[in-house]
């Protein structure tokens, strides 16, 4: 089986963020059925966006577009991912939030924007 190339992260901060995203059901370990989805490798595991996160992001984007029609797509995307991370995980340092948002942004960029 040949899997698509995925970015590799190894720092402790990124590993901690990946664990938090998994714990709060925003990403999950990739399975055979996820072959075509964007994946991130951390350690020896591959991760994909969870179904819950995908639905939540889509709903939040629609809400944000309605409430802030003058905002750019990039601002809406950033705000949506930040809001989702803070709502699901809770308060966290800016560095950790930035990594969580980057991971979710990377995994969601193909099918949600």
Foldseek 3Di string as FASTA:
>chain_A
DDADDAEEDEDPLLVVLVVLCVVLQQKHWDDPVCRPFHWHDYDNTIIAGGPVNLVQLQVQLVVCCVVCVPDDPVVSLQVSLLVVCCVRRNDDDPVSSVSSSVVSCRRCVPPRD
